[in-house]
Protein backbone atom coordinates (compact mmCIF):
# COMPACT_ATOMS: atom_id res chain seq x y z
CA MET A 1 -53.23 54.75 -55.69
CA LYS A 2 -50.82 54.81 -58.61
CA LYS A 3 -51.82 53.42 -61.97
CA ILE A 4 -48.67 52.84 -64.01
CA GLN A 5 -48.04 52.14 -67.66
CA LEU A 6 -45.25 49.64 -67.11
CA LEU A 7 -44.33 47.51 -64.12
CA SER A 8 -40.72 46.56 -63.51
CA ILE A 9 -39.94 43.31 -61.74
CA MET A 10 -37.13 45.10 -59.90
CA VAL A 11 -37.76 47.05 -56.68
CA ILE A 12 -34.74 49.27 -56.13
CA SER A 13 -35.50 50.49 -52.62
CA GLY A 14 -35.26 48.25 -49.59
CA ALA A 15 -32.95 45.87 -51.47
CA VAL A 16 -35.95 43.77 -52.56
CA ALA A 17 -35.23 42.48 -56.07
CA PHE A 18 -37.88 40.27 -57.62
CA GLY A 19 -36.23 37.36 -59.36
CA ALA A 20 -32.77 38.23 -58.03
CA GLN A 21 -32.58 34.77 -56.50
CA THR A 22 -34.09 32.05 -58.66
CA ALA A 23 -34.06 29.35 -55.99
CA ALA A 24 -37.18 29.42 -53.85
CA VAL A 25 -36.27 29.08 -50.20
CA LYS A 26 -39.58 29.40 -48.39
CA LYS A 27 -43.20 28.45 -49.05
CA ALA A 28 -46.33 30.54 -48.87
CA ASN A 29 -50.01 30.40 -49.80
CA VAL A 30 -51.92 33.30 -51.33
CA SER A 31 -55.71 33.41 -51.53
CA PHE A 32 -58.63 35.81 -51.40
CA THR A 33 -61.23 35.84 -48.67
CA GLU A 34 -64.35 37.98 -48.37
CA SER A 35 -63.88 41.11 -46.29
CA LEU A 36 -66.44 42.08 -43.67
CA ALA A 37 -65.24 45.69 -43.86
CA ARG A 38 -67.41 46.71 -46.81
CA VAL A 39 -69.77 45.11 -49.30
CA GLU A 40 -71.53 47.53 -51.61
CA SER A 41 -74.22 47.26 -54.25
CA THR A 42 -71.70 48.54 -56.79
CA GLY A 43 -69.08 45.92 -56.02
CA SER A 44 -67.37 43.81 -53.43
CA ILE A 45 -64.31 44.09 -51.18
CA ALA A 46 -62.08 41.06 -50.65
CA LYS A 47 -58.80 40.55 -48.82
CA LEU A 48 -55.77 38.99 -50.43
CA VAL A 49 -54.25 36.90 -47.63
CA ILE A 50 -50.54 35.99 -47.62
CA ASP A 51 -49.98 32.96 -45.41
CA SER A 52 -46.22 32.59 -44.96
CA ASP A 53 -43.85 31.64 -42.16
CA GLU A 54 -41.38 34.16 -43.55
CA ALA A 55 -42.04 37.91 -43.73
CA ILE A 56 -42.86 39.00 -47.29
CA HIS A 57 -41.31 42.27 -48.50
CA GLY A 58 -42.39 42.33 -52.14
CA LEU A 59 -45.39 41.12 -54.14
CA GLN A 60 -46.04 41.07 -57.88
CA PHE A 61 -49.15 39.43 -59.34
CA ASP A 62 -51.09 38.92 -62.57
CA ILE A 63 -54.86 38.38 -62.16
CA SER A 64 -57.32 37.44 -64.90
CA TYR A 65 -61.11 37.90 -64.83
CA ASN A 66 -64.20 37.76 -67.04
CA VAL A 67 -64.84 41.26 -68.41
CA SER A 68 -68.50 40.48 -69.06
CA GLU A 69 -68.95 39.96 -65.30
CA ILE A 70 -66.31 42.23 -63.74
CA THR A 71 -65.42 45.72 -64.97
CA SER A 72 -62.38 46.29 -62.76
CA ILE A 73 -60.20 44.89 -59.98
CA VAL A 74 -58.39 47.56 -58.00
CA PRO A 75 -55.89 46.96 -55.16
CA GLN A 76 -56.53 49.42 -52.34
CA ASP A 77 -53.97 51.86 -50.93
CA ILE A 78 -51.87 50.75 -47.95
CA SER A 79 -50.34 53.41 -45.72
CA GLY A 80 -46.55 53.42 -46.03
CA PHE A 81 -46.47 51.17 -49.12
CA GLU A 82 -46.32 51.59 -52.88
CA VAL A 83 -49.37 49.94 -54.49
CA GLN A 84 -49.19 50.02 -58.28
CA TYR A 85 -51.21 48.28 -60.97
CA ASN A 86 -51.60 48.21 -64.72
CA GLU A 87 -54.19 46.75 -67.10
CA LEU A 88 -52.14 44.54 -69.41
CA SER A 89 -55.15 43.67 -71.58
CA ASP A 90 -58.91 43.19 -71.27
CA GLY A 91 -59.45 40.94 -68.27
CA LEU A 92 -55.81 40.91 -67.11
CA ILE A 93 -54.11 43.20 -64.58
CA ARG A 94 -50.62 43.23 -63.10
CA GLY A 95 -49.90 44.65 -59.66
CA LEU A 96 -46.88 45.44 -57.53
CA VAL A 97 -46.74 46.11 -53.78
CA PHE A 98 -43.62 47.08 -51.82
CA SER A 99 -42.24 49.53 -49.27
CA MET A 100 -39.70 52.22 -50.11
CA GLN A 101 -38.26 51.58 -46.63
CA GLY A 102 -38.10 47.82 -47.15
CA ASN A 103 -40.83 47.06 -44.59
CA ALA A 104 -42.62 43.70 -44.54
CA LEU A 105 -46.03 43.63 -46.20
CA PRO A 106 -49.17 43.24 -44.08
CA GLU A 107 -50.77 39.80 -44.21
CA ASN A 108 -54.04 41.18 -45.66
CA LEU A 109 -54.33 43.41 -48.74
CA GLU A 110 -57.75 44.72 -49.74
CA PHE A 111 -59.04 44.66 -53.33
CA GLU A 112 -62.21 46.16 -54.79
CA PHE A 113 -64.11 44.12 -57.40
CA VAL A 114 -66.62 46.10 -59.45
CA ASN A 115 -69.30 44.04 -61.19
CA ALA A 116 -70.62 44.72 -64.66
CA ASP A 117 -74.04 46.35 -65.04
CA ASN A 118 -76.92 44.05 -64.05
CA PHE A 119 -74.55 41.23 -63.07
CA ASN A 120 -75.38 39.89 -59.60
CA GLY A 121 -74.02 36.36 -59.79
CA THR A 122 -70.67 34.76 -59.00
CA SER A 123 -67.50 35.24 -61.02
CA THR A 124 -64.15 33.45 -60.75
CA ILE A 125 -60.78 35.21 -60.86
CA GLU A 126 -57.47 33.42 -61.38
CA PHE A 127 -53.85 34.14 -60.56
CA LYS A 128 -51.87 33.82 -63.81
CA ASP A 129 -48.55 34.63 -62.18
CA ILE A 130 -47.40 35.65 -58.73
CA ILE A 131 -43.98 36.46 -57.28
CA LEU A 132 -43.12 36.87 -53.60
CA ALA A 133 -39.77 38.05 -52.22
CA ASP A 134 -38.35 37.97 -48.70
CA SER A 135 -36.19 40.66 -47.05
CA ASN A 136 -33.09 39.43 -48.93
CA GLY A 137 -34.74 39.45 -52.33
CA LYS A 138 -34.95 35.66 -52.44
CA GLY A 139 -37.94 34.11 -54.14
CA VAL A 140 -40.60 32.43 -52.01
CA ASP A 141 -42.30 29.35 -53.44
CA VAL A 142 -45.99 30.21 -53.58
CA GLU A 143 -49.30 28.46 -54.22
CA ALA A 144 -52.28 30.61 -55.21
CA GLN A 145 -55.98 29.76 -54.97
CA SER A 146 -58.64 30.96 -57.40
CA TYR A 147 -61.40 33.12 -55.91
CA VAL A 148 -65.14 33.21 -56.50
CA VAL A 149 -66.59 36.72 -56.15
CA ASN A 150 -70.22 36.63 -55.06
CA PHE A 151 -71.79 39.92 -56.09
CA GLY A 152 -75.21 38.59 -55.11
CA ALA A 153 -74.07 38.74 -51.47
CA ALA A 154 -74.37 42.53 -51.63
CA VAL A 155 -78.14 42.32 -52.07
CA ASN A 156 -78.74 39.15 -50.09
CA THR A 157 -80.88 39.95 -47.04
CA THR A 158 -80.77 36.43 -45.61
CA PRO A 159 -77.36 35.70 -44.04
CA TYR A 160 -76.10 32.15 -44.34
CA LYS A 161 -74.64 30.08 -41.54
CA THR A 162 -71.68 27.77 -41.89
CA ASP A 163 -73.06 24.28 -41.33
CA ILE A 164 -72.07 20.75 -42.35
CA SER A 165 -74.69 18.01 -42.62
CA ASP A 166 -73.99 14.36 -41.88
CA ALA A 167 -73.17 12.24 -44.91
CA TYR A 168 -76.28 10.60 -46.38
CA PRO A 169 -76.86 7.78 -46.96
CA ASN A 170 -74.55 6.23 -44.41
CA PRO A 171 -73.97 3.24 -44.56
CA PHE A 172 -73.94 3.56 -48.35
CA ASN A 173 -73.30 1.77 -51.62
CA PRO A 174 -71.76 3.01 -53.81
CA SER A 175 -72.03 6.78 -53.18
CA THR A 176 -72.78 9.18 -50.35
CA GLN A 177 -73.27 12.94 -50.20
CA ILE A 178 -72.24 15.69 -47.76
CA ASN A 179 -74.26 18.92 -47.91
CA TYR A 180 -72.88 22.12 -46.42
CA SER A 181 -73.57 25.85 -46.25
CA LEU A 182 -71.11 28.74 -45.94
CA GLU A 183 -71.59 32.01 -44.10
CA ASN A 184 -68.79 33.65 -46.12
CA THR A 185 -66.90 32.87 -49.29
CA GLY A 186 -63.78 30.87 -48.42
CA LEU A 187 -61.58 27.84 -48.93
CA VAL A 188 -63.28 24.45 -48.45
CA GLN A 189 -61.40 21.16 -48.23
CA ILE A 190 -63.05 17.73 -48.03
CA MET A 191 -60.85 14.64 -48.04
CA VAL A 192 -61.65 10.93 -47.60
CA TYR A 193 -59.23 8.66 -45.69
CA ASP A 194 -59.25 4.93 -45.10
CA ALA A 195 -59.08 3.30 -41.67
CA ALA A 196 -55.26 3.31 -41.86
CA GLY A 197 -55.18 7.08 -42.33
CA ARG A 198 -54.26 7.00 -46.02
CA LEU A 199 -55.77 9.62 -48.31
CA VAL A 200 -58.26 7.91 -50.64
CA GLU A 201 -59.76 10.86 -52.49
CA GLU A 202 -59.87 14.66 -52.38
CA LEU A 203 -63.47 15.70 -53.00
CA VAL A 204 -63.15 19.48 -52.64
CA ASN A 205 -60.20 21.87 -52.44
CA SER A 206 -61.22 25.28 -53.73
CA GLN A 207 -62.75 28.64 -52.91
CA GLN A 208 -66.53 28.34 -52.51
CA PRO A 209 -69.06 31.20 -52.52
CA ALA A 210 -71.30 31.91 -49.54
CA GLY A 211 -74.58 30.02 -49.78
CA ASP A 212 -76.58 27.01 -48.66
CA ASN A 213 -76.57 24.82 -51.77
CA HIS A 214 -73.13 23.19 -51.64
CA ARG A 215 -72.58 19.45 -51.78
CA ALA A 216 -69.76 16.94 -52.13
CA VAL A 217 -70.46 13.49 -53.54
CA TRP A 218 -68.13 10.54 -53.02
CA ASP A 219 -68.51 7.68 -55.50
CA ALA A 220 -66.78 4.70 -53.86
CA SER A 221 -67.46 2.22 -56.66
CA ASN A 222 -63.76 1.38 -56.91
CA GLN A 223 -63.20 1.03 -53.15
CA ALA A 224 -63.47 -2.01 -50.93
CA SER A 225 -66.13 -2.33 -48.24
CA GLY A 226 -65.12 -0.95 -44.89
CA VAL A 227 -64.81 2.11 -42.67
CA TYR A 228 -63.67 5.45 -44.09
CA PHE A 229 -63.42 8.96 -42.68
CA ALA A 230 -64.36 12.26 -44.32
CA LYS A 231 -62.40 15.27 -43.05
CA ILE A 232 -64.06 18.62 -43.75
CA ILE A 233 -62.18 21.92 -43.27
CA VAL A 234 -64.10 25.19 -43.64
CA GLY A 235 -62.14 28.14 -42.28
CA ASP A 236 -61.58 27.47 -38.57
CA LEU A 237 -64.17 24.69 -38.57
CA VAL A 238 -62.76 21.14 -38.81
CA GLU A 239 -65.05 18.12 -38.72
CA THR A 240 -64.51 14.39 -39.24
CA GLN A 241 -67.32 12.00 -40.19
CA LYS A 242 -67.22 8.21 -40.11
CA LEU A 243 -68.40 6.58 -43.34
CA MET A 244 -69.41 2.93 -43.79
CA LEU A 245 -69.21 1.45 -47.29
CA LEU A 246 -71.18 -1.81 -47.59
CA LYS A 247 -71.11 -3.81 -50.82
């Protein structure tokens, strides 16, 4: 692991130049997901996942965090790659990952999150800036998701199970609620569509910590009576529920 005093946005080797091409030509999604490899009482390991149709050859990122809850965020070494990071200020780090041989990055990059003393709750980290480059140095348009670190999971002796309850009440007027539990921290999406397949409302689209106390409430006060459908996506689990609004 190399900790550097200054990060350049130019990678000389492998002809990967961050920002060399200003026009984004591809799209990618970057998010964290909990790693099953190691969870310790002194911290937590999470994987940064790069979801892209195009191979990514360079990554630069700025991540912010709450220093009263997290003492450090450290990207882990990757064999054959340069992994560098620098603390720009309290609660803000910048990192750079690339290959001297110009090899494509792996899809998963591990990070260690170390919690502050006596802090065993959840803490949210945010991407402030992120740059991806393909093999030609062209920028890749990227969307990044915030991540909720659950340090309590390290001492939790009761594992959770991913489960989605039926909406209740149903039929309903004017609101209904969907309760769900998560085995692992991850991205949750819950959308409501009308009978014609048009998106009516996005209830949830964010990283959610593992646990059994999650809920999504849909207030349909401004909608007409009729049949609607709630689509719930939790990792590989996709479920659709039929909702009946009666006024």
